[in-house]
Protein backbone atom coordinates (compact mmCIF):
# COMPACT_ATOMS: atom_id res chain seq x y z
CA MET A 1 47.13 105.77 14.55
CA ASN A 2 50.88 106.35 14.54
CA ILE A 3 52.97 103.26 15.25
CA SER A 4 56.65 103.73 16.13
CA ARG A 5 58.79 100.84 14.88
CA ASN A 6 61.23 101.30 17.76
CA TRP A 7 58.45 101.30 20.35
CA ILE A 8 56.50 98.29 19.05
CA SER A 9 59.75 96.34 18.80
CA GLU A 10 59.77 96.29 22.61
CA TYR A 11 56.87 93.81 22.54
CA ILE A 12 57.64 91.72 19.44
CA ASP A 13 60.47 90.67 17.15
CA LEU A 14 59.67 92.08 13.70
CA LYS A 15 60.54 89.81 10.79
CA ASP A 16 60.49 92.39 8.00
CA ASP A 17 61.92 95.76 7.10
CA THR A 18 59.47 98.66 7.08
CA ASP A 19 58.59 98.42 3.37
CA ASN A 20 57.70 94.72 3.58
CA LEU A 21 55.89 95.29 6.87
CA VAL A 22 53.73 97.95 5.25
CA ASP A 23 52.93 95.57 2.38
CA LYS A 24 51.75 92.90 4.83
CA ILE A 25 49.62 95.40 6.74
CA LYS A 26 47.91 96.46 3.53
CA LEU A 27 47.34 92.86 2.40
CA HIS A 28 45.98 91.50 5.67
CA SER A 29 44.95 94.23 8.11
CA THR A 30 44.22 97.82 7.15
CA ASN A 31 45.35 100.75 5.03
CA VAL A 32 48.63 102.57 5.67
CA GLU A 33 48.24 106.33 5.34
CA SER A 34 51.93 107.23 5.41
CA VAL A 35 55.38 106.33 6.69
CA GLU A 36 57.51 109.07 8.28
CA LYS A 37 61.25 108.77 8.66
CA LEU A 38 61.61 110.45 12.04
CA GLY A 39 65.00 111.97 12.73
CA GLU A 40 66.18 111.43 9.17
CA GLY A 41 69.16 113.66 8.44
CA ILE A 42 69.40 115.02 12.00
CA LYS A 43 72.98 114.93 13.30
CA GLY A 44 75.41 116.80 15.50
CA VAL A 45 73.12 117.09 18.56
CA ILE A 46 74.85 116.29 21.84
CA VAL A 47 74.09 116.70 25.52
CA GLY A 48 75.35 119.85 27.21
CA ARG A 49 75.33 121.08 30.81
CA ILE A 50 74.94 124.82 31.48
CA LEU A 51 77.80 126.03 33.68
CA GLU A 52 77.25 129.78 33.68
CA ILE A 53 74.59 132.28 32.56
CA LYS A 54 75.01 136.03 32.13
CA ASP A 55 73.10 138.80 30.40
CA HIS A 56 73.97 140.00 26.91
CA PRO A 57 75.37 143.57 27.21
CA ASP A 58 73.51 144.81 24.13
CA ALA A 59 70.30 142.68 24.08
CA ASP A 60 67.81 142.43 26.94
CA LYS A 61 66.13 139.29 25.57
CA ILE A 62 69.30 137.22 25.09
CA VAL A 63 71.52 135.46 27.63
CA ILE A 64 75.08 134.14 27.21
CA CYS A 65 75.69 130.59 28.46
CA LYS A 66 78.83 128.59 29.05
CA VAL A 67 77.97 124.98 28.18
CA ASP A 68 79.98 121.85 28.98
CA VAL A 69 79.66 119.42 26.01
CA GLY A 70 82.08 116.79 27.30
CA ASP A 71 85.42 117.46 25.67
CA LYS A 72 85.15 121.27 25.69
CA THR A 73 83.11 124.26 26.81
CA LEU A 74 81.09 126.24 24.29
CA GLN A 75 79.66 129.72 24.41
CA ILE A 76 76.02 129.58 23.29
CA LEU A 77 73.51 132.41 23.20
CA THR A 78 69.76 131.84 23.62
CA ALA A 79 66.58 133.87 23.91
CA ASP A 80 65.07 131.33 26.30
CA LYS A 81 65.53 132.81 29.76
CA SER A 82 63.96 129.77 31.44
CA VAL A 83 67.29 127.91 31.30
CA LYS A 84 69.21 127.55 34.57
CA VAL A 85 72.71 126.62 35.68
CA ASN A 86 73.20 122.81 35.74
CA ASP A 87 70.38 122.24 33.26
CA LEU A 88 71.09 119.45 30.76
CA ILE A 89 70.02 120.50 27.29
CA PRO A 90 70.38 119.25 23.70
CA VAL A 91 73.06 121.27 21.90
CA ALA A 92 73.39 121.49 18.14
CA ILE A 93 77.09 122.14 17.58
CA ASP A 94 78.70 123.82 14.58
CA GLY A 95 77.89 121.76 11.45
CA ALA A 96 74.81 120.10 12.96
CA VAL A 97 71.68 119.48 10.89
CA LEU A 98 68.25 119.74 12.50
CA ALA A 99 64.69 118.92 11.40
CA GLY A 100 63.75 120.46 8.08
CA ASN A 101 67.41 120.31 6.98
CA PHE A 102 68.16 123.37 9.13
CA LYS A 103 71.96 123.69 9.33
CA ILE A 104 73.78 125.14 12.31
CA LYS A 105 76.87 127.34 12.06
CA SER A 106 78.69 129.42 14.63
CA ARG A 107 77.63 133.06 14.25
CA LYS A 108 77.56 136.35 16.06
CA MET A 109 74.39 137.53 17.80
CA ARG A 110 74.47 141.26 18.47
CA GLY A 111 78.27 141.24 18.34
CA ILE A 112 78.93 138.14 20.47
CA MET A 113 79.81 134.74 19.02
CA SER A 114 77.43 131.77 19.60
CA GLU A 115 79.12 128.43 18.97
CA GLY A 116 75.96 126.39 18.58
CA MET A 117 72.27 126.29 19.40
CA MET A 118 70.18 124.94 22.29
CA CYS A 119 67.40 122.76 20.89
CA SER A 120 63.74 122.42 21.67
CA LEU A 121 61.68 119.37 20.69
CA GLU A 122 60.60 121.31 17.61
CA GLU A 123 64.16 121.38 16.25
CA LEU A 124 64.32 117.61 16.80
CA GLY A 125 61.12 117.02 14.82
CA LEU A 126 59.10 115.89 17.85
CA GLU A 127 56.74 118.87 18.15
CA GLU A 128 55.16 121.22 15.64
CA LYS A 129 55.79 124.25 17.87
CA SER A 130 57.90 124.52 21.02
CA GLU A 131 58.13 127.49 23.33
CA TYR A 132 61.20 126.55 25.35
CA VAL A 133 64.53 124.75 25.11
CA TYR A 134 64.10 121.10 26.15
CA LYS A 135 65.53 120.38 29.60
CA ILE A 136 66.69 116.76 29.80
CA PRO A 137 65.57 115.26 33.13
CA ASP A 138 67.76 112.15 32.79
CA ASP A 139 71.21 111.78 34.30
CA ILE A 140 73.38 111.79 31.15
CA ASP A 141 77.03 112.67 30.69
CA PRO A 142 77.70 115.86 28.71
CA GLY A 143 78.92 115.07 25.22
CA THR A 144 76.55 112.08 24.78
CA ASP A 145 75.08 111.83 21.28
CA PHE A 146 71.48 112.80 22.05
CA VAL A 147 70.11 111.47 18.75
CA GLU A 148 71.35 107.98 19.59
CA TYR A 149 70.43 108.23 23.28
CA LEU A 150 66.84 109.16 22.43
CA ARG A 151 66.65 106.59 19.61
CA LEU A 152 65.38 109.49 17.55
CA LYS A 153 65.81 107.77 14.20
CA ASP A 154 62.60 105.84 13.79
CA ASP A 155 59.94 104.81 11.27
CA ILE A 156 56.47 106.09 12.15
CA ILE A 157 53.76 104.07 10.38
CA ASP A 158 50.36 105.78 10.27
CA ILE A 159 47.71 103.07 9.98
CA GLU A 160 44.03 103.68 9.28
CA ILE A 161 41.70 102.46 12.04
CA PHE A 162 38.33 101.21 10.80
CA PRO A 163 35.36 101.62 13.19
CA ASN A 164 35.13 97.83 13.62
CA ARG A 165 38.77 97.41 14.73
CA PRO A 166 39.14 99.11 18.13
CA ASP A 167 41.73 96.47 19.04
CA LEU A 168 44.19 98.27 16.75
CA LEU A 169 43.99 101.42 18.87
CA SER A 170 46.84 100.19 21.07
CA TYR A 171 50.44 99.08 20.69
CA LEU A 172 49.73 95.68 22.24
CA GLY A 173 46.78 95.23 19.89
CA VAL A 174 48.86 96.11 16.85
CA ALA A 175 51.68 93.87 18.09
CA SER A 176 49.21 90.96 18.32
CA GLU A 177 48.01 91.76 14.81
CA PHE A 178 51.56 91.73 13.45
CA VAL A 179 52.08 88.26 14.94
CA ALA A 180 48.80 87.09 13.38
CA ILE A 181 49.81 88.26 9.89
CA ASP A 182 53.25 86.62 10.27
CA ALA A 183 55.10 89.94 10.33
CA ALA A 184 56.46 89.34 13.83
CA GLU A 185 56.96 86.70 16.52
CA ASN A 186 57.59 86.31 20.26
CA LEU A 187 54.87 88.59 21.63
CA GLY A 188 55.73 89.73 25.14
CA TYR A 189 53.81 91.83 27.62
CA PRO A 190 55.23 94.68 29.74
CA GLU A 191 55.88 94.46 33.46
CA ILE A 192 53.02 95.05 35.89
CA ILE A 193 52.39 95.02 39.61
CA LYS A 194 49.85 92.40 40.64
CA VAL A 195 47.25 94.03 42.86
CA GLU A 196 44.64 92.11 44.82
CA LYS A 197 40.96 92.93 44.54
CA GLY A 198 39.18 93.80 47.76
CA GLU A 199 37.67 96.60 49.81
CA GLY A 200 39.84 99.54 48.87
CA PHE A 201 38.70 103.06 48.07
CA PRO A 202 34.85 103.11 48.22
CA VAL A 203 33.15 103.00 44.79
CA TYR A 204 29.42 102.97 44.00
CA ILE A 205 27.87 102.53 40.54
CA GLU A 206 24.33 103.96 40.27
CA TYR A 207 23.91 104.13 36.50
CA GLU A 208 24.03 101.48 33.78
CA GLY A 209 26.17 103.80 31.64
CA CYS A 210 29.13 102.42 33.62
CA LYS A 211 29.59 98.64 33.47
CA ARG A 212 32.76 98.37 35.54
CA TYR A 213 34.81 100.70 37.73
CA SER A 214 38.18 99.87 39.30
CA ALA A 215 40.08 102.21 41.64
CA LEU A 216 43.52 102.10 43.25
CA VAL A 217 45.26 104.52 45.61
CA VAL A 218 48.93 105.44 45.16
CA GLU A 219 50.51 107.66 47.84
CA ASP A 220 53.64 109.78 48.17
CA VAL A 221 54.06 110.37 44.44
CA GLU A 222 56.59 112.85 43.10
CA VAL A 223 55.18 114.97 40.28
CA LYS A 224 58.06 115.94 38.00
CA PRO A 225 59.09 116.02 34.33
CA SER A 226 58.93 112.69 32.50
CA PRO A 227 62.11 110.91 31.38
CA ALA A 228 63.23 111.59 27.82
CA TRP A 229 62.19 108.15 26.52
CA LEU A 230 58.60 108.74 27.63
CA VAL A 231 58.53 112.25 26.16
CA LYS A 232 59.76 110.91 22.83
CA LYS A 233 57.24 108.05 22.71
CA LEU A 234 54.31 110.36 23.43
CA ALA A 235 55.59 112.83 20.84
CA THR A 236 55.48 110.14 18.13
CA ALA A 237 51.76 109.87 18.90
CA GLY A 238 51.27 113.63 18.77
CA ILE A 239 50.88 114.02 22.56
CA ARG A 240 52.74 116.79 24.38
CA SER A 241 54.39 115.92 27.69
CA ILE A 242 52.82 117.52 30.80
CA ASN A 243 54.25 115.74 33.85
CA ASN A 244 55.15 112.18 34.76
CA ILE A 245 51.75 111.20 36.22
CA VAL A 246 49.65 112.55 33.36
CA ASP A 247 52.16 111.21 30.83
CA ILE A 248 51.93 107.73 32.36
CA THR A 249 48.14 107.71 31.95
CA ASN A 250 48.53 108.72 28.29
CA TYR A 251 51.27 106.13 27.79
CA VAL A 252 49.14 103.32 29.22
CA LEU A 253 46.24 104.42 27.00
CA LEU A 254 48.44 104.10 23.92
CA GLU A 255 50.03 100.86 25.12
CA THR A 256 46.85 98.97 26.15
CA GLY A 257 44.13 100.89 24.29
CA HIS A 258 42.21 101.31 27.55
CA PRO A 259 41.64 104.94 28.64
CA VAL A 260 42.53 105.62 32.29
CA HIS A 261 42.36 108.61 34.59
CA ALA A 262 44.14 109.90 37.70
CA PHE A 263 42.53 112.08 40.38
CA ASP A 264 44.34 114.18 42.98
CA MET A 265 43.25 112.62 46.31
CA ASP A 266 43.40 115.98 48.06
CA LEU A 267 40.86 117.45 45.62
CA ILE A 268 38.18 114.76 45.88
CA GLY A 269 35.99 113.37 48.66
CA ASP A 270 36.16 110.02 50.40
CA LYS A 271 34.28 107.97 47.79
CA ILE A 272 33.49 107.61 44.10
CA VAL A 273 29.87 107.65 42.98
CA VAL A 274 29.13 106.96 39.30
CA ARG A 275 25.68 108.32 38.48
CA LYS A 276 23.46 109.60 35.72
CA ALA A 277 23.66 113.33 35.03
CA GLU A 278 20.77 115.59 35.87
CA LYS A 279 19.54 117.90 33.14
CA GLY A 280 21.03 121.39 33.56
CA GLU A 281 24.03 120.38 35.69
CA LYS A 282 27.23 122.17 34.72
CA VAL A 283 30.89 121.17 34.92
CA VAL A 284 34.21 122.66 33.80
CA LEU A 285 36.41 120.04 32.15
CA LEU A 286 40.15 119.90 31.48
CA ASP A 287 39.75 121.89 28.26
CA GLU A 288 38.66 124.81 30.54
CA LYS A 289 35.19 124.91 28.95
CA GLU A 290 31.93 124.71 30.86
CA TYR A 291 29.42 122.08 29.73
CA GLU A 292 25.74 121.81 30.59
CA MET A 293 24.42 118.27 30.92
CA ASN A 294 21.39 117.01 28.99
CA GLY A 295 20.53 114.36 31.57
CA THR A 296 21.85 111.18 29.88
CA GLU A 297 25.60 111.43 30.50
CA THR A 298 27.63 109.27 32.89
CA LEU A 299 29.22 111.36 35.64
CA ILE A 300 32.07 110.48 37.99
CA THR A 301 31.44 112.24 41.30
CA ASP A 302 32.53 112.05 44.94
CA GLY A 303 28.91 112.14 46.08
CA GLU A 304 28.87 115.93 46.05
CA LYS A 305 30.86 117.50 43.24
CA ILE A 306 31.41 116.32 39.66
CA LEU A 307 34.94 114.98 39.07
CA ALA A 308 34.72 113.93 35.41
CA LEU A 309 32.46 113.36 32.45
CA GLY A 310 32.81 109.60 32.45
CA GLY A 311 34.65 108.08 29.50
CA ILE A 312 35.16 111.46 27.84
CA MET A 313 37.18 113.98 29.87
CA GLY A 314 38.25 114.75 33.44
CA GLY A 315 37.16 117.75 35.45
CA GLN A 316 39.37 120.79 35.86
CA ASP A 317 39.13 120.84 39.66
CA SER A 318 40.29 117.27 40.35
CA GLY A 319 43.27 116.88 38.04
CA ILE A 320 46.94 116.29 38.73
CA ASN A 321 49.13 119.33 39.49
CA GLU A 322 52.64 120.04 40.75
CA ASN A 323 51.43 119.81 44.39
CA THR A 324 49.79 116.38 44.07
CA LYS A 325 50.99 113.87 46.66
CA SER A 326 48.46 111.03 46.40
CA VAL A 327 46.47 109.87 43.38
CA LEU A 328 43.40 107.73 42.79
CA LEU A 329 43.74 105.69 39.61
CA GLU A 330 40.63 104.88 37.57
CA VAL A 331 40.21 102.01 35.10
CA ALA A 332 36.60 101.77 33.98
CA TYR A 333 34.40 100.38 31.23
CA PHE A 334 31.56 102.55 29.92
CA ASP A 335 28.64 101.78 27.62
CA PRO A 336 29.85 102.59 24.07
CA VAL A 337 26.47 103.92 22.89
CA ASN A 338 26.15 106.26 25.87
CA ILE A 339 29.67 107.60 25.35
CA ARG A 340 29.09 108.15 21.62
CA LYS A 341 25.83 110.04 22.22
CA SER A 342 27.31 112.16 25.02
CA ALA A 343 30.48 113.01 23.07
CA ARG A 344 28.46 114.04 20.01
CA TYR A 345 26.01 116.10 22.04
CA HIS A 346 28.81 118.08 23.70
CA LYS A 347 30.95 118.09 20.54
CA ILE A 348 33.93 116.61 22.40
CA SER A 349 36.35 114.26 20.67
CA SER A 350 39.01 112.99 23.08
CA ASP A 351 41.36 110.01 22.96
CA SER A 352 39.18 108.41 25.65
CA SER A 353 35.82 108.89 23.94
CA TYR A 354 37.30 107.78 20.60
CA ARG A 355 38.18 104.42 22.16
CA PHE A 356 35.24 103.90 24.52
CA GLU A 357 32.63 104.57 21.83
CA ARG A 358 34.22 101.89 19.63
CA GLY A 359 34.57 99.41 22.47
CA VAL A 360 37.49 98.59 24.76
CA ASP A 361 38.16 95.31 26.55
CA PRO A 362 35.98 95.21 29.70
CA ASN A 363 38.04 92.37 31.17
CA ASP A 364 41.57 93.80 31.15
CA ALA A 365 41.19 96.08 34.20
CA GLU A 366 43.61 94.09 36.38
CA PHE A 367 46.35 94.19 33.74
CA VAL A 368 45.83 97.88 32.92
CA MET A 369 45.77 98.87 36.61
CA GLY A 370 48.86 96.78 37.27
CA ARG A 371 50.69 98.51 34.43
CA LEU A 372 49.68 101.95 35.74
CA ALA A 373 50.82 101.07 39.25
CA TYR A 374 54.17 99.72 38.02
CA LEU A 375 55.01 102.84 36.02
CA ILE A 376 53.97 105.26 38.77
CA LYS A 377 56.07 103.32 41.27
CA GLU A 378 59.08 103.36 38.92
CA LEU A 379 58.80 106.94 37.61
CA ALA A 380 57.14 108.77 40.51
CA ASN A 381 58.32 106.70 43.51
CA GLY A 382 54.70 106.10 44.52
CA LYS A 383 53.59 103.72 47.27
CA VAL A 384 50.97 101.45 45.73
CA SER A 385 48.04 100.28 47.85
CA PRO A 386 47.92 96.47 48.02
CA VAL A 387 44.15 96.40 47.38
CA MET A 388 42.22 97.52 44.30
CA THR A 389 38.50 98.21 44.42
CA ASP A 390 36.72 96.52 41.52
CA VAL A 391 32.96 97.03 41.08
CA TYR A 392 31.76 94.79 38.24
CA PRO A 393 27.99 94.16 38.63
CA GLN A 394 27.53 91.90 35.60
CA TYR A 395 30.49 90.05 34.13
CA ILE A 396 30.75 90.35 30.35
CA GLU A 397 31.38 86.86 29.00
CA PRO A 398 33.50 86.19 25.90
CA LYS A 399 31.31 85.21 22.94
CA GLN A 400 31.27 81.61 21.76
CA ILE A 401 30.62 81.00 18.05
CA PHE A 402 30.33 77.74 16.15
CA ILE A 403 31.99 77.87 12.73
CA ARG A 404 31.56 75.17 10.10
CA SER A 405 34.61 74.24 8.06
CA SER A 406 32.42 73.73 4.99
CA TYR A 407 30.95 77.21 5.47
CA VAL A 408 34.43 78.76 5.51
CA ASN A 409 35.34 77.13 2.22
CA GLU A 410 31.96 77.91 0.66
CA ARG A 411 32.13 81.60 1.55
CA LEU A 412 35.78 82.07 0.57
CA GLY A 413 35.62 79.98 -2.58
CA VAL A 414 38.76 78.04 -1.74
CA THR A 415 39.52 74.87 0.21
CA ILE A 416 41.29 75.56 3.50
CA LYS A 417 42.15 72.49 5.56
CA GLU A 418 40.91 72.31 9.15
CA GLU A 419 44.51 72.29 10.41
CA LYS A 420 45.08 75.64 8.70
CA ILE A 421 41.84 77.05 10.11
CA LYS A 422 42.95 76.01 13.60
CA GLU A 423 46.37 77.59 13.05
CA ILE A 424 44.82 80.91 11.95
CA LEU A 425 42.44 80.98 14.94
CA ASP A 426 45.39 80.35 17.27
CA LYS A 427 47.37 83.20 15.67
CA LEU A 428 44.42 85.53 16.24
CA GLY A 429 44.34 84.60 19.91
CA PHE A 430 40.94 82.90 19.60
CA LYS A 431 40.55 79.74 21.67
CA SER A 432 39.03 76.97 19.55
CA GLU A 433 37.77 73.47 20.22
CA LYS A 434 37.39 70.93 17.42
CA VAL A 435 33.84 69.63 17.22
CA GLU A 436 31.88 67.77 14.58
CA ASN A 437 31.89 69.63 11.24
CA GLY A 438 33.84 72.61 12.57
CA PHE A 439 35.09 74.49 15.63
CA LYS A 440 33.61 76.08 18.74
CA VAL A 441 35.46 79.39 19.00
CA THR A 442 35.76 81.61 22.06
CA VAL A 443 36.25 85.22 20.98
CA PRO A 444 38.18 87.42 23.45
CA THR A 445 36.35 90.50 24.71
CA ARG A 446 39.00 92.71 23.13
CA ARG A 447 37.32 91.95 19.79
CA PRO A 448 33.74 93.30 20.09
CA ASP A 449 33.45 93.29 16.28
CA ILE A 450 33.33 89.48 16.12
CA THR A 451 29.70 88.47 16.75
CA GLU A 452 28.70 85.94 14.06
CA GLU A 453 30.04 83.00 12.08
CA ILE A 454 30.59 85.17 9.00
CA ASP A 455 32.84 87.49 11.05
CA LEU A 456 35.12 84.55 11.76
CA VAL A 457 35.13 83.68 8.07
CA GLU A 458 36.29 87.21 7.30
CA GLU A 459 39.09 86.92 9.87
CA ILE A 460 40.23 83.58 8.47
CA GLY A 461 40.08 84.99 4.94
CA ARG A 462 42.20 88.05 5.61
CA ILE A 463 44.84 86.16 7.57
CA TYR A 464 44.96 83.43 4.91
CA GLY A 465 45.28 86.25 2.40
CA TYR A 466 42.69 87.28 -0.16
CA HIS A 467 45.55 87.54 -2.64
CA ASN A 468 45.99 83.78 -2.22
CA ILE A 469 42.41 83.09 -3.31
CA PRO A 470 42.15 82.64 -7.11
CA SER A 471 40.00 85.15 -8.96
CA VAL A 472 37.34 83.35 -11.02
CA LEU A 473 34.14 84.49 -12.69
CA PRO A 474 30.95 83.30 -11.00
CA GLN A 475 29.18 80.41 -12.70
CA ASN A 476 25.98 81.46 -14.49
CA ASN A 477 23.57 78.91 -15.90
CA LEU A 478 20.98 81.49 -16.92
CA ILE A 479 20.23 81.85 -20.63
CA GLY A 480 19.76 85.47 -21.63
CA GLY A 481 17.30 86.77 -24.19
CA ILE A 482 15.02 89.63 -25.19
CA SER A 483 11.26 89.33 -24.72
CA ASP A 484 8.83 89.71 -27.63
CA TYR A 485 7.52 92.96 -26.12
CA ILE A 486 10.97 94.55 -25.98
CA LYS A 487 11.64 93.40 -29.55
CA PHE A 488 8.38 95.04 -30.65
CA ARG A 489 9.23 98.36 -28.92
CA GLU A 490 12.68 98.43 -30.45
CA LYS A 491 11.25 97.71 -33.94
CA VAL A 492 8.67 100.52 -33.61
CA SER A 493 11.37 102.93 -32.44
CA GLU A 494 13.57 101.99 -35.37
CA VAL A 495 10.75 102.46 -37.91
CA MET A 496 9.82 105.88 -36.49
CA ARG A 497 13.39 107.10 -36.56
CA LEU A 498 13.86 105.88 -40.13
CA ASN A 499 10.80 107.95 -41.12
CA GLY A 500 12.30 111.22 -39.83
CA TYR A 501 11.10 111.28 -36.25
CA ASN A 502 13.39 112.17 -33.32
CA GLU A 503 13.37 110.07 -30.15
CA ALA A 504 13.78 111.88 -26.81
CA PHE A 505 14.98 110.34 -23.55
CA THR A 506 13.85 112.70 -20.78
CA PHE A 507 14.61 112.92 -17.06
CA ALA A 508 11.89 112.09 -14.58
CA PHE A 509 13.04 115.11 -12.53
CA MET A 510 13.54 118.75 -13.48
CA ASP A 511 13.58 122.30 -12.10
CA ASN A 512 10.16 123.29 -10.69
CA SER A 513 10.57 126.86 -12.00
CA ARG A 514 10.55 125.55 -15.61
CA MET A 515 7.13 123.91 -15.31
CA TRP A 516 4.82 126.38 -17.11
CA LEU A 517 1.58 124.36 -17.24
CA LYS A 518 1.47 122.65 -13.89
CA GLU A 519 3.91 122.80 -10.98
CA GLY A 520 5.32 119.66 -9.49
CA GLU A 521 4.06 118.18 -6.23
CA VAL A 522 6.75 115.62 -5.44
CA PHE A 523 10.12 117.02 -4.30
CA LEU A 524 13.47 115.39 -3.50
CA SER A 525 14.96 116.29 -0.11
CA ASN A 526 18.53 115.78 -1.35
CA PRO A 527 18.66 116.19 -5.16
CA ILE A 528 21.91 115.63 -7.03
CA SER A 529 21.33 119.03 -8.69
CA SER A 530 19.02 122.01 -8.14
CA GLU A 531 17.77 121.45 -11.70
CA LEU A 532 16.67 117.89 -10.86
CA GLY A 533 14.77 118.48 -7.63
CA THR A 534 11.12 118.00 -8.68
CA MET A 535 9.34 115.05 -10.30
CA ARG A 536 7.65 116.26 -13.51
CA PRO A 537 3.85 115.90 -13.44
CA LEU A 538 3.36 116.04 -17.25
CA LEU A 539 4.98 114.25 -20.17
CA VAL A 540 5.21 117.49 -22.14
CA TYR A 541 8.00 118.78 -19.92
CA GLY A 542 11.43 117.85 -21.15
CA PHE A 543 10.68 117.72 -24.89
């Protein structure tokens, strides 16, 4: 998962530079695949406003633009005919350097001078391939340094996510981890809108594949391009901007680690019914492919038509579009095993399924929904319903585990004082109560990987630092020796060899086609070599 240093610094105060931060991650948390210096070397990109557009007299595919860049007006030619008068666009002026060390100079295009270049997100290093010049939706003065405005210069740390650490699949989870490993301090949470739970939009759960389903209505939304800061943040995660509503759902997924979905209220019925799929049912999802159900999937429906393949991907006919006015927000918790089986059967790997099959926090729905509502109100001017529907048939309790202090020291091979154990548990966000001989620990539901006492030992060990535990050889009181039988065999072998005989060490397996007296009857299903696939039935083979 890509972690932007600029972005995560909005939740915590980092103590270390990037190199030392990476070292701490490797020592205490997980592997670091790479570190990218985003925006390194890019300069000379400023904000411009298009004042005038006219056709090139000698090239049908090129237009000539007059662009206000603050202190002067430049003539810039472009092949992107989607640009319009009054558009704000990034302009690389003469002498600018773009991604890939691409240098900009004023030059003639079909006989007419172009004094710069309009940039797409590709030229800024935020997309692998862009089709159009980026139109800046923000209200910025022409001439503003766009590299500084966008905070383009950033360190992107790609961390490896192990299957047992779904809590690291979010910025808030990684921020908490950085505090635990003493790489940061002052963890803060983003703003939310507090919504009350009650009888809102009707929701019915009819299948155990869904453990919790929360829904909230937001009306009068304005679907439009996302602000530049949101586009940039999503780009650092490899997600292309679509519109503000869809981008907000992706942003909240990355921020909280909990997949969410938004339905167009005009394209769905008057209720949500979560049910088990029937074998042979078909649905077209957002990837524009049709899928046939095998009868075990979890489906989100309105009682009549299928709206989404629960926990995996939304349906094509209920998604957000430029005409959407009201949305229904979904925050749900699905059975990880069911999601994993369904995703594998249909060969779908989405950001949602990747997280649900590893386990998300079933008890953060209020926070996640509040964050969604806040962002849609701020960025889409939506009117948030005061009541959220929350169907949660069986509350999932946090696990409580007793851990013995003596067991910690025995397993780790080092003496850690109880005060230090308590400090580490507090850093991890685990509530602990001192009891006789140890602690009673309450593990938050965001950590489904912690189920036994030994799991807590592992957590204490990695936060304490395995590099701080001395390396010693294990004590061994056994006295080695060779039995009389082995001594006899070795003596016989030695005598035979000294008298001119050759000793052969043969494989128990060989190629069946080389067995000329009797073919083998025992075969390996996965041999290391085609020549070692059959157990030899006679001793004569191999000599």
